[in-house]
N, C-alpha and C. Protein backbone atom coordinates (compact mmCIF):
# COMPACT_ATOMS: atom_id res chain seq x y z
N MET A 1 4.91 -29.27 85.56
CA MET A 1 5.14 -30.60 84.94
C MET A 1 4.48 -30.67 83.85
N MET A 2 3.65 -29.96 83.27
CA MET A 2 3.15 -29.80 82.08
C MET A 2 3.73 -29.25 81.09
N LYS A 3 4.69 -28.31 81.51
CA LYS A 3 5.69 -27.57 80.69
C LYS A 3 6.76 -28.27 80.26
N LYS A 4 6.99 -29.77 80.69
CA LYS A 4 7.85 -30.34 80.40
C LYS A 4 7.54 -31.44 79.23
N ILE A 5 6.44 -31.16 78.82
CA ILE A 5 5.84 -32.32 77.68
C ILE A 5 6.50 -31.88 76.46
N THR A 6 7.01 -32.63 75.64
CA THR A 6 7.82 -32.15 74.37
C THR A 6 7.27 -32.77 73.17
N LEU A 7 7.67 -32.02 71.80
CA LEU A 7 7.24 -32.76 70.73
C LEU A 7 8.01 -33.87 70.22
N THR A 8 8.92 -34.33 70.84
CA THR A 8 9.58 -35.61 70.42
C THR A 8 8.60 -36.75 70.43
N LEU A 9 7.56 -36.92 71.16
CA LEU A 9 6.78 -38.14 70.82
C LEU A 9 5.94 -38.18 69.45
N ALA A 10 5.68 -37.02 69.30
CA ALA A 10 4.79 -36.65 68.03
C ALA A 10 5.81 -37.28 66.89
N LEU A 11 7.17 -36.72 67.05
CA LEU A 11 8.30 -36.99 65.92
C LEU A 11 8.47 -38.26 65.68
N ALA A 12 8.44 -39.10 67.12
CA ALA A 12 8.80 -40.40 66.98
C ALA A 12 7.56 -41.20 66.26
N ALA A 13 6.25 -40.80 66.66
CA ALA A 13 5.37 -41.35 66.16
C ALA A 13 5.12 -41.27 64.63
N THR A 14 5.71 -40.24 64.17
CA THR A 14 5.65 -39.75 62.71
C THR A 14 6.77 -40.39 62.03
N LEU A 15 7.70 -40.76 62.52
CA LEU A 15 9.07 -41.49 62.12
C LEU A 15 8.91 -42.90 61.97
N ALA A 16 8.63 -43.51 63.38
CA ALA A 16 8.76 -44.81 63.48
C ALA A 16 7.69 -45.75 62.46
N GLY A 17 8.38 -46.51 61.82
CA GLY A 17 7.48 -47.35 61.03
C GLY A 17 6.66 -46.62 59.74
N GLY A 18 7.03 -45.43 59.70
CA GLY A 18 6.26 -44.64 58.60
C GLY A 18 4.98 -44.03 58.56
N ALA A 19 4.27 -44.22 59.45
CA ALA A 19 2.74 -43.98 59.74
C ALA A 19 1.91 -43.77 60.96
N ALA A 20 2.67 -43.12 62.05
CA ALA A 20 2.23 -42.61 63.21
C ALA A 20 1.77 -43.99 63.93
N ILE A 21 2.81 -45.03 63.81
CA ILE A 21 2.22 -46.24 64.62
C ILE A 21 2.34 -46.23 65.86
N ALA A 22 3.43 -45.18 66.48
CA ALA A 22 3.28 -45.14 67.97
C ALA A 22 1.92 -44.89 68.62
N ASN A 23 1.24 -44.13 68.04
CA ASN A 23 -0.11 -43.83 68.62
C ASN A 23 -1.06 -45.15 68.80
N SER A 24 -1.05 -46.23 68.07
CA SER A 24 -1.68 -47.16 68.32
C SER A 24 -1.26 -48.32 69.13
N HIS A 25 -0.03 -48.50 69.40
CA HIS A 25 0.99 -49.50 69.94
C HIS A 25 1.58 -49.28 71.15
N GLN A 26 1.44 -47.99 71.91
CA GLN A 26 2.20 -47.77 73.14
C GLN A 26 1.24 -47.78 74.46
N GLY A 27 0.24 -48.70 74.16
CA GLY A 27 -0.64 -48.81 75.12
C GLY A 27 -1.51 -47.37 75.71
N HIS A 28 -1.55 -46.68 74.71
CA HIS A 28 -2.31 -45.38 74.70
C HIS A 28 -4.02 -45.84 74.50
N GLY A 29 -4.15 -46.79 73.67
CA GLY A 29 -5.56 -47.13 73.22
C GLY A 29 -6.01 -46.21 72.53
N LYS A 30 -5.51 -45.40 71.72
CA LYS A 30 -5.75 -44.61 70.54
C LYS A 30 -5.77 -45.31 69.03
N ALA A 31 -6.67 -45.30 68.43
CA ALA A 31 -6.62 -46.38 67.26
C ALA A 31 -5.55 -45.65 66.39
N ASP A 32 -5.05 -46.49 65.54
CA ASP A 32 -4.04 -46.21 64.37
C ASP A 32 -4.80 -45.29 63.47
N PRO A 33 -4.13 -44.12 63.26
CA PRO A 33 -4.90 -43.15 62.37
C PRO A 33 -5.44 -43.79 60.88
N PHE A 34 -4.74 -44.76 60.40
CA PHE A 34 -5.04 -45.39 59.28
C PHE A 34 -5.68 -46.68 59.43
N GLY A 35 -6.13 -47.03 60.58
CA GLY A 35 -7.10 -47.99 60.88
C GLY A 35 -6.59 -49.42 60.45
N ASP A 36 -7.34 -49.89 59.82
CA ASP A 36 -6.79 -51.27 59.07
C ASP A 36 -6.69 -51.32 57.59
N GLN A 37 -6.11 -49.76 57.18
CA GLN A 37 -5.78 -49.60 55.71
C GLN A 37 -4.50 -49.89 55.64
N THR A 38 -4.39 -50.58 54.23
CA THR A 38 -2.85 -50.55 53.87
C THR A 38 -2.62 -49.22 53.32
N ILE A 39 -1.23 -48.35 53.61
CA ILE A 39 -1.22 -47.16 53.26
C ILE A 39 -0.05 -47.27 52.21
N THR A 40 -0.13 -46.17 51.32
CA THR A 40 1.05 -46.15 50.32
C THR A 40 2.11 -45.13 50.97
N ARG A 41 3.18 -45.23 50.26
CA ARG A 41 4.37 -44.23 50.56
C ARG A 41 3.89 -42.84 50.40
N ASP A 42 3.09 -42.24 49.35
CA ASP A 42 2.67 -41.13 49.16
C ASP A 42 1.86 -40.71 50.16
N GLN A 43 0.84 -41.55 50.79
CA GLN A 43 0.03 -41.09 51.95
C GLN A 43 0.89 -40.77 53.14
N ALA A 44 1.89 -41.87 53.57
CA ALA A 44 2.54 -41.51 54.70
C ALA A 44 3.42 -40.37 54.50
N GLN A 45 4.01 -40.06 53.34
CA GLN A 45 4.61 -38.87 53.29
C GLN A 45 3.72 -37.57 53.45
N ALA A 46 2.43 -37.69 53.07
CA ALA A 46 1.35 -36.59 53.17
C ALA A 46 1.28 -36.45 54.66
N HIS A 47 0.97 -37.48 55.37
CA HIS A 47 0.77 -37.42 56.82
C HIS A 47 1.94 -36.61 57.55
N ALA A 48 3.09 -37.48 56.91
CA ALA A 48 4.48 -36.51 57.60
C ALA A 48 4.41 -35.15 57.45
N ALA A 49 4.17 -34.78 56.29
CA ALA A 49 4.08 -33.31 56.23
C ALA A 49 3.17 -32.65 56.95
N GLN A 50 1.75 -33.18 57.05
CA GLN A 50 0.74 -32.63 57.99
C GLN A 50 1.50 -32.59 59.46
N MET A 51 2.08 -33.64 59.89
CA MET A 51 2.43 -33.70 61.16
C MET A 51 3.75 -32.45 61.14
N PHE A 52 4.58 -32.29 60.31
CA PHE A 52 5.54 -31.49 60.48
C PHE A 52 4.83 -30.06 60.58
N ALA A 53 3.79 -29.63 59.84
CA ALA A 53 3.46 -28.43 59.72
C ALA A 53 2.84 -28.03 61.26
N LYS A 54 2.09 -29.11 61.83
CA LYS A 54 1.30 -28.91 63.21
C LYS A 54 2.94 -28.62 64.36
N MET A 55 3.73 -29.22 64.14
CA MET A 55 4.84 -29.22 65.07
C MET A 55 5.86 -28.01 64.89
N ASP A 56 5.75 -27.40 63.85
CA ASP A 56 6.63 -26.32 63.51
C ASP A 56 5.73 -25.20 63.91
N ALA A 57 5.82 -24.65 65.16
CA ALA A 57 4.81 -23.87 65.93
C ALA A 57 5.26 -22.50 65.44
N ASN A 58 6.39 -22.14 65.16
CA ASN A 58 7.06 -20.58 64.70
C ASN A 58 7.04 -20.71 63.28
N LYS A 59 6.64 -21.56 62.63
CA LYS A 59 6.46 -21.87 60.99
C LYS A 59 7.62 -21.31 60.41
N ASP A 60 9.11 -21.70 61.00
CA ASP A 60 10.11 -21.33 60.42
C ASP A 60 10.91 -22.45 59.64
N GLY A 61 10.31 -23.61 59.26
CA GLY A 61 10.53 -24.76 58.48
C GLY A 61 11.56 -25.58 59.18
N LYS A 62 11.63 -25.50 60.31
CA LYS A 62 12.52 -26.43 61.24
C LYS A 62 11.97 -26.88 62.58
N LEU A 63 12.25 -27.82 63.32
CA LEU A 63 12.19 -28.18 64.44
C LEU A 63 12.98 -28.21 65.41
N ASP A 64 12.73 -27.04 66.35
CA ASP A 64 13.72 -27.02 67.32
C ASP A 64 13.53 -26.63 68.75
N GLN A 65 14.36 -26.48 69.51
CA GLN A 65 14.14 -25.80 70.94
C GLN A 65 13.01 -24.84 70.95
N THR A 66 12.99 -23.82 70.01
CA THR A 66 11.91 -22.73 70.09
C THR A 66 10.50 -23.43 69.94
N ASP A 67 10.52 -24.37 68.99
CA ASP A 67 9.17 -24.87 68.83
C ASP A 67 8.89 -25.80 69.86
N ARG A 68 9.49 -26.21 70.73
CA ARG A 68 9.24 -27.28 71.79
C ARG A 68 8.72 -26.12 72.97
N MET A 69 9.30 -25.11 73.00
CA MET A 69 9.20 -24.01 74.14
C MET A 69 7.67 -23.58 74.00
N MET A 70 7.57 -23.26 72.37
CA MET A 70 6.24 -22.81 72.14
C MET A 70 5.17 -23.78 72.25
N HIS A 71 5.51 -24.97 71.99
CA HIS A 71 4.40 -26.10 72.19
C HIS A 71 4.19 -26.20 73.76
N HIS A 72 5.19 -26.05 74.73
CA HIS A 72 5.10 -26.29 76.09
C HIS A 72 4.03 -25.00 76.62
N GLU A 73 4.27 -24.06 75.90
CA GLU A 73 3.35 -22.76 76.55
C GLU A 73 1.95 -23.05 76.04
N THR A 74 1.87 -23.67 74.87
CA THR A 74 0.24 -23.86 74.52
C THR A 74 -0.22 -24.99 75.19
N MET A 75 0.53 -26.01 75.60
CA MET A 75 -0.10 -27.29 76.33
C MET A 75 -0.31 -26.47 78.05
N PHE A 76 0.66 -25.70 78.17
CA PHE A 76 0.39 -24.97 79.61
C PHE A 76 -1.11 -24.16 79.66
N ASN A 77 -1.05 -23.27 78.53
CA ASN A 77 -2.27 -22.37 78.48
C ASN A 77 -3.59 -23.24 78.30
N THR A 78 -3.59 -24.24 77.51
CA THR A 78 -4.70 -25.23 77.42
C THR A 78 -5.12 -25.47 78.71
N ALA A 79 -4.31 -26.15 79.64
CA ALA A 79 -4.62 -26.69 80.63
C ALA A 79 -4.88 -25.82 81.71
N ASP A 80 -4.55 -24.37 81.78
CA ASP A 80 -4.71 -23.46 82.79
C ASP A 80 -6.08 -22.76 82.46
N THR A 81 -7.00 -23.59 82.68
CA THR A 81 -8.50 -23.22 82.27
C THR A 81 -8.81 -21.92 83.08
N ASP A 82 -8.68 -21.46 84.19
CA ASP A 82 -8.76 -20.25 84.84
C ASP A 82 -8.08 -19.01 84.60
N LYS A 83 -6.81 -19.49 83.52
CA LYS A 83 -6.19 -18.50 82.97
C LYS A 83 -5.50 -17.41 84.35
N ASP A 84 -5.07 -18.32 85.59
CA ASP A 84 -4.51 -17.29 86.51
C ASP A 84 -2.77 -17.82 86.51
N GLY A 85 -2.30 -18.40 85.47
CA GLY A 85 -1.03 -18.59 85.20
C GLY A 85 -0.34 -19.55 85.84
N LYS A 86 -1.19 -20.56 86.77
CA LYS A 86 -0.52 -21.93 87.32
C LYS A 86 -1.67 -22.86 87.17
N LEU A 87 -1.24 -24.25 87.40
CA LEU A 87 -1.82 -25.21 87.34
C LEU A 87 -2.53 -25.85 88.50
N SER A 88 -3.58 -25.88 88.74
CA SER A 88 -4.01 -26.27 90.16
C SER A 88 -4.06 -27.79 89.87
N ARG A 89 -4.18 -28.66 90.98
CA ARG A 89 -4.11 -30.18 91.20
C ARG A 89 -5.49 -30.40 90.07
N ASP A 90 -6.41 -29.90 90.10
CA ASP A 90 -7.68 -30.23 89.21
C ASP A 90 -7.43 -30.03 87.78
N GLU A 91 -6.80 -28.94 87.65
CA GLU A 91 -6.34 -28.43 86.00
C GLU A 91 -5.31 -29.78 85.44
N PHE A 92 -4.34 -29.96 86.39
CA PHE A 92 -3.42 -30.88 85.86
C PHE A 92 -4.05 -32.33 85.80
N ILE A 93 -5.02 -32.68 86.67
CA ILE A 93 -5.68 -33.90 86.41
C ILE A 93 -6.42 -34.03 85.12
N ALA A 94 -7.15 -32.98 85.06
CA ALA A 94 -8.11 -32.85 83.74
C ALA A 94 -7.06 -32.99 82.55
N ALA A 95 -6.17 -32.14 82.60
CA ALA A 95 -5.18 -32.08 81.18
C ALA A 95 -4.74 -33.40 81.02
N HIS A 96 -4.43 -33.94 82.06
CA HIS A 96 -3.63 -35.48 81.73
C HIS A 96 -4.69 -36.59 81.42
N LYS A 97 -6.03 -36.15 81.85
CA LYS A 97 -6.92 -37.09 81.36
C LYS A 97 -7.31 -36.82 80.01
N ASN A 98 -7.51 -35.56 79.37
CA ASN A 98 -7.78 -35.32 78.21
C ASN A 98 -6.58 -35.68 77.39
N ARG A 99 -5.20 -35.89 77.54
CA ARG A 99 -4.12 -36.37 76.76
C ARG A 99 -4.13 -37.78 76.59
N ARG A 100 -4.61 -38.39 77.74
CA ARG A 100 -4.88 -40.10 77.78
C ARG A 100 -5.97 -40.42 76.73
N GLU A 101 -7.07 -39.66 76.84
CA GLU A 101 -7.94 -39.63 75.83
C GLU A 101 -7.84 -39.41 74.52
N ASP A 102 -6.78 -38.42 74.21
CA ASP A 102 -6.29 -38.15 73.00
C ASP A 102 -5.32 -39.19 72.49
N GLY A 103 -4.87 -40.00 73.24
CA GLY A 103 -3.52 -40.80 72.84
C GLY A 103 -2.25 -40.35 73.03
N GLN A 104 -2.29 -39.50 74.05
CA GLN A 104 -0.74 -38.81 74.22
C GLN A 104 -0.20 -39.10 75.71
N GLY A 105 -0.91 -40.08 76.34
CA GLY A 105 -0.35 -40.38 77.52
C GLY A 105 0.19 -41.74 77.40
N GLY A 106 -0.30 -42.62 78.74
CA GLY A 106 -0.06 -44.08 78.80
C GLY A 106 0.88 -44.48 79.51
N LYS A 107 1.48 -45.67 79.64
CA LYS A 107 2.22 -46.41 80.55
C LYS A 107 3.62 -45.96 80.36
N GLY A 108 4.41 -46.02 81.33
CA GLY A 108 5.79 -45.78 81.28
C GLY A 108 6.50 -44.67 81.59
N GLY A 109 5.57 -43.66 81.58
CA GLY A 109 5.90 -42.15 81.96
C GLY A 109 6.83 -41.07 80.71
N HIS A 110 6.30 -39.97 80.84
CA HIS A 110 6.78 -39.22 79.52
C HIS A 110 8.38 -39.36 79.47
N GLY A 111 9.08 -39.44 80.45
CA GLY A 111 10.61 -39.21 80.34
C GLY A 111 11.29 -40.31 79.67
N GLU A 112 10.38 -41.37 79.73
CA GLU A 112 11.01 -43.03 79.15
C GLU A 112 10.94 -42.69 77.61
N ARG A 113 9.90 -42.25 77.12
CA ARG A 113 9.71 -41.96 75.66
C ARG A 113 10.18 -40.66 75.01
N MET A 114 10.29 -39.62 76.03
CA MET A 114 10.23 -38.44 75.00
C MET A 114 11.54 -37.70 75.60
N GLY A 115 12.31 -38.30 76.68
CA GLY A 115 13.41 -37.47 76.95
C GLY A 115 14.52 -37.67 75.99
N LYS A 116 15.72 -37.04 76.55
CA LYS A 116 16.92 -36.94 75.68
C LYS A 116 17.34 -38.28 74.87
N HIS A 117 17.32 -39.32 75.77
CA HIS A 117 17.59 -40.64 75.40
C HIS A 117 16.74 -41.49 75.20
N GLY A 118 15.38 -41.07 74.95
CA GLY A 118 14.13 -41.74 74.76
C GLY A 118 13.87 -41.98 73.24
N MET A 119 12.74 -42.75 73.17
CA MET A 119 12.54 -42.85 71.67
C MET A 119 12.32 -41.69 70.91
N GLY A 120 11.99 -40.69 71.37
CA GLY A 120 11.61 -39.42 70.63
C GLY A 120 13.07 -38.82 70.43
N GLY A 121 13.89 -38.60 71.45
CA GLY A 121 15.26 -38.12 71.56
C GLY A 121 16.10 -38.70 70.37
N MET A 122 16.02 -40.18 70.08
CA MET A 122 16.71 -41.08 69.27
C MET A 122 16.08 -40.59 68.09
N MET A 123 14.83 -40.54 67.72
CA MET A 123 14.40 -40.23 66.26
C MET A 123 14.87 -38.91 65.91
N MET A 124 14.87 -37.87 66.81
CA MET A 124 15.15 -36.61 66.57
C MET A 124 16.74 -36.41 66.11
N ARG A 125 17.45 -37.26 66.78
CA ARG A 125 19.09 -37.18 66.56
C ARG A 125 19.09 -37.87 64.96
N MET A 126 18.15 -39.15 64.64
CA MET A 126 18.21 -39.72 63.51
C MET A 126 18.09 -38.90 62.53
N ALA A 127 16.63 -37.98 62.67
CA ALA A 127 16.24 -37.10 61.42
C ALA A 127 17.12 -36.02 61.24
N ASP A 128 18.16 -35.71 62.25
CA ASP A 128 18.98 -34.29 62.09
C ASP A 128 20.18 -34.67 61.23
N ALA A 129 19.96 -34.87 59.95
CA ALA A 129 21.08 -35.31 59.10
C ALA A 129 22.20 -34.43 59.33
N ASN A 130 22.31 -33.26 59.52
CA ASN A 130 23.53 -32.47 59.36
C ASN A 130 23.75 -31.98 60.76
N LYS A 131 23.14 -32.47 61.78
CA LYS A 131 23.46 -32.57 63.16
C LYS A 131 23.79 -31.01 63.65
N ASP A 132 22.70 -30.29 63.41
CA ASP A 132 22.63 -28.94 63.75
C ASP A 132 21.43 -28.49 64.68
N ARG A 133 21.11 -29.78 65.43
CA ARG A 133 20.30 -29.53 66.66
C ARG A 133 18.95 -28.99 66.04
N ALA A 134 18.61 -29.21 64.91
CA ALA A 134 17.17 -28.59 64.49
C ALA A 134 16.92 -29.78 63.17
N VAL A 135 15.50 -30.02 63.10
CA VAL A 135 15.31 -30.85 61.99
C VAL A 135 14.30 -30.28 61.00
N SER A 136 14.93 -29.98 59.85
CA SER A 136 14.36 -29.28 58.63
C SER A 136 13.04 -29.97 57.97
N ARG A 137 12.18 -29.66 57.14
CA ARG A 137 11.14 -30.46 56.60
C ARG A 137 11.68 -31.40 55.72
N ASP A 138 12.68 -31.16 54.90
CA ASP A 138 13.18 -32.10 54.14
C ASP A 138 13.82 -33.30 55.07
N GLU A 139 14.86 -33.01 56.12
CA GLU A 139 15.13 -33.99 57.17
C GLU A 139 14.30 -34.84 57.54
N PHE A 140 12.99 -34.21 57.91
CA PHE A 140 11.86 -34.89 58.65
C PHE A 140 11.34 -35.87 57.64
N LEU A 141 11.00 -35.40 56.41
CA LEU A 141 10.38 -36.33 55.60
C LEU A 141 11.32 -37.36 54.85
N ALA A 142 12.70 -36.97 54.67
CA ALA A 142 13.68 -37.97 54.39
C ALA A 142 13.62 -39.03 55.53
N ALA A 143 13.80 -38.83 56.76
CA ALA A 143 13.76 -39.76 57.81
C ALA A 143 12.73 -40.75 57.85
N HIS A 144 11.44 -39.91 57.55
CA HIS A 144 10.19 -40.65 57.41
C HIS A 144 10.06 -41.79 56.50
N LEU A 145 10.51 -41.26 55.49
CA LEU A 145 10.53 -42.09 54.18
C LEU A 145 11.65 -43.49 54.33
N LYS A 146 12.87 -43.13 55.21
CA LYS A 146 13.69 -44.20 55.35
C LYS A 146 13.03 -45.16 56.24
N HIS A 147 12.38 -44.75 57.16
CA HIS A 147 11.60 -45.86 58.16
C HIS A 147 10.42 -46.29 57.45
N PHE A 148 9.67 -45.64 56.41
CA PHE A 148 8.69 -46.33 55.75
C PHE A 148 9.20 -47.43 54.88
N GLU A 149 10.49 -47.21 54.31
CA GLU A 149 11.00 -48.15 53.58
C GLU A 149 11.41 -49.40 54.29
N GLN A 150 11.92 -49.19 55.44
CA GLN A 150 12.47 -50.23 56.14
C GLN A 150 11.33 -50.95 56.87
N ALA A 151 10.07 -50.50 56.95
CA ALA A 151 9.15 -51.06 57.79
C ALA A 151 8.17 -51.72 56.66
N ASP A 152 8.66 -51.38 55.50
CA ASP A 152 8.11 -52.00 54.18
C ASP A 152 8.49 -53.52 54.04
N GLY A 153 8.05 -54.55 54.66
CA GLY A 153 8.91 -55.89 54.56
C GLY A 153 8.95 -56.47 53.42
N ASN A 154 7.84 -56.51 52.60
CA ASN A 154 7.57 -57.16 51.33
C ASN A 154 8.30 -56.24 50.28
N LYS A 155 8.43 -55.21 50.32
CA LYS A 155 9.04 -54.13 49.48
C LYS A 155 8.06 -53.73 48.26
N ASP A 156 6.81 -53.74 48.28
CA ASP A 156 5.89 -53.38 47.60
C ASP A 156 5.40 -51.96 47.69
N GLY A 157 6.00 -51.15 48.34
CA GLY A 157 5.64 -49.65 48.25
C GLY A 157 4.43 -49.19 49.26
N LYS A 158 4.01 -50.18 50.03
CA LYS A 158 2.91 -49.95 50.91
C LYS A 158 3.17 -50.57 52.16
N LEU A 159 2.37 -50.20 53.28
CA LEU A 159 2.52 -50.54 54.76
C LEU A 159 1.22 -51.29 55.15
N SER A 160 1.20 -52.26 55.51
CA SER A 160 -0.02 -52.79 55.86
C SER A 160 -0.18 -52.65 57.37
N PRO A 161 -1.35 -52.82 58.13
CA PRO A 161 -1.41 -52.71 59.60
C PRO A 161 -0.24 -53.57 60.13
N ASP A 162 -0.20 -54.92 59.86
CA ASP A 162 0.84 -55.82 60.26
C ASP A 162 2.13 -55.31 59.95
N GLU A 163 2.60 -54.97 58.93
CA GLU A 163 3.73 -54.28 58.76
C GLU A 163 4.03 -53.14 59.84
N ARG A 164 2.85 -52.10 60.23
CA ARG A 164 3.23 -51.28 61.02
C ARG A 164 3.40 -51.63 62.53
N LYS A 165 2.92 -52.75 62.82
CA LYS A 165 2.84 -53.18 64.01
C LYS A 165 4.13 -54.01 64.43
N ALA A 166 4.57 -54.60 63.45
CA ALA A 166 6.03 -55.36 63.38
C ALA A 166 7.08 -54.18 63.58
N ALA A 167 6.89 -53.20 62.79
CA ALA A 167 7.87 -52.07 62.70
C ALA A 167 7.91 -51.42 64.33
N HIS A 168 6.89 -51.38 64.93
CA HIS A 168 6.95 -50.55 66.06
C HIS A 168 7.36 -51.57 67.19
N ALA A 169 7.04 -52.87 67.09
CA ALA A 169 7.58 -53.98 67.79
C ALA A 169 9.07 -54.06 67.99
N LYS A 170 9.67 -53.81 66.63
CA LYS A 170 10.92 -53.68 66.58
C LYS A 170 11.54 -52.66 67.19
N MET A 171 11.03 -51.38 67.04
CA MET A 171 11.43 -50.24 67.66
C MET A 171 11.34 -50.35 69.19
N ARG A 172 10.54 -50.93 69.87
CA ARG A 172 10.34 -51.05 71.20
C ARG A 172 11.31 -51.82 71.68
N GLU A 173 11.74 -53.05 71.00
CA GLU A 173 12.56 -53.89 71.49
C GLU A 173 14.11 -53.36 71.40
N HIS A 174 14.10 -52.41 70.37
CA HIS A 174 15.69 -51.73 70.16
C HIS A 174 15.69 -50.87 71.47
N MET A 175 14.65 -50.09 71.73
CA MET A 175 14.62 -49.13 72.84
C MET A 175 14.96 -49.82 74.40
N LYS A 176 14.45 -50.87 74.45
CA LYS A 176 14.63 -51.98 75.54
C LYS A 176 16.01 -52.30 75.60
N ASP A 177 16.47 -52.71 74.70
CA ASP A 177 18.07 -53.00 74.59
C ASP A 177 18.98 -51.79 74.78
N MET A 178 18.32 -50.68 74.54
CA MET A 178 19.30 -49.54 74.49
C MET A 178 19.34 -49.05 76.15
N ARG A 179 18.04 -49.07 76.72
CA ARG A 179 17.89 -48.88 78.07
C ARG A 179 18.82 -49.88 78.95
N GLY A 180 18.72 -51.18 78.64
CA GLY A 180 19.52 -51.99 79.25
C GLY A 180 20.98 -51.91 79.29
N ALA A 181 21.61 -51.52 78.17
CA ALA A 181 22.90 -51.04 77.86
C ALA A 181 23.35 -49.81 78.72
N ARG A 182 22.33 -48.96 78.82
CA ARG A 182 22.87 -47.83 79.54
C ARG A 182 22.91 -48.05 81.21
N HIS A 183 21.88 -49.01 81.52
CA HIS A 183 21.80 -49.10 82.87
C HIS A 183 23.02 -50.28 83.22
N LYS A 184 23.92 -50.80 82.46
CA LYS A 184 25.02 -51.62 82.32
C LYS A 184 26.28 -50.53 82.09
N GLY A 185 26.13 -49.31 81.89
CA GLY A 185 27.32 -48.47 81.78
C GLY A 185 27.73 -47.96 80.33
N ALA A 186 27.07 -48.43 79.36
CA ALA A 186 27.45 -48.25 78.02
C ALA A 186 27.18 -46.85 77.72
N PRO A 187 28.03 -46.24 76.99
CA PRO A 187 27.82 -44.85 76.59
C PRO A 187 26.22 -44.74 76.17
N ALA A 188 25.88 -43.40 76.47
CA ALA A 188 24.34 -43.10 75.85
C ALA A 188 24.44 -42.76 74.41
N GLY A 189 25.59 -42.71 73.98
CA GLY A 189 25.53 -41.94 72.62
C GLY A 189 25.67 -43.04 71.66
N ASP A 190 26.01 -44.32 72.28
CA ASP A 190 26.19 -45.50 71.18
C ASP A 190 24.89 -46.11 70.71
N GLN A 191 24.16 -45.49 70.33
CA GLN A 191 22.78 -45.75 69.66
C GLN A 191 22.44 -45.72 68.28
N ALA A 192 22.50 -46.85 67.83
CA ALA A 192 22.47 -47.14 66.39
C ALA A 192 20.97 -47.11 65.80
N ASP A 193 20.95 -46.88 64.59
CA ASP A 193 19.73 -46.97 64.03
C ASP A 193 19.21 -48.45 64.37
N PRO A 194 17.79 -48.28 64.74
CA PRO A 194 17.14 -49.86 65.27
C PRO A 194 16.82 -50.77 64.06
N HIS A 195 16.82 -50.08 62.84
CA HIS A 195 16.64 -50.74 61.31
C HIS A 195 17.90 -51.00 60.80
N ALA A 196 19.25 -50.85 61.34
CA ALA A 196 20.33 -50.83 60.48
C ALA A 196 20.55 -52.39 60.28
N GLY A 197 20.79 -52.76 59.13
CA GLY A 197 21.18 -53.95 58.62
C GLY A 197 19.87 -54.67 58.29
N HIS A 198 18.61 -54.02 58.15
CA HIS A 198 17.63 -54.79 57.92
C HIS A 198 16.88 -54.40 56.64
């Protein structure tokens, strides 16, 4: 189960609202990394660049399946404290507890937010401008900037805590609507940019 954890939540956190707002408002209990600060576009882009560097596990300048596999392996190896190549129940529980304390766990299950059609999957598709199933650093930063600008309600080039919260609330509502549409039989591919028209 630990090997099913993917990078997409991290991508969603970095893209949505422009400043890792998912960390603070998805029921994880982890504080917004920017706290009560109002952040500039440059600060948000610098944060995005740092996140990309961490997520690009093989340092090839793009995020793809290879990075996810390497991330899975790292997560598994970290959880496998006795290094026997398998996870005991106690190791799994301890790893899950650590992830919750780090702000990576939470309500709703991983699949809801991190699966092919979850928030992370949607963000990955939105960032992948050339549709090559990989996200380059330029694509990542461009998508992050787009969402920053859309979350910047008063267009002053900054994001306040309230603007970050509002952007995440809008994203959550959009995801809720998409899940409802899928349950009613709507094609899963009909997923628009949640900020389109705003």
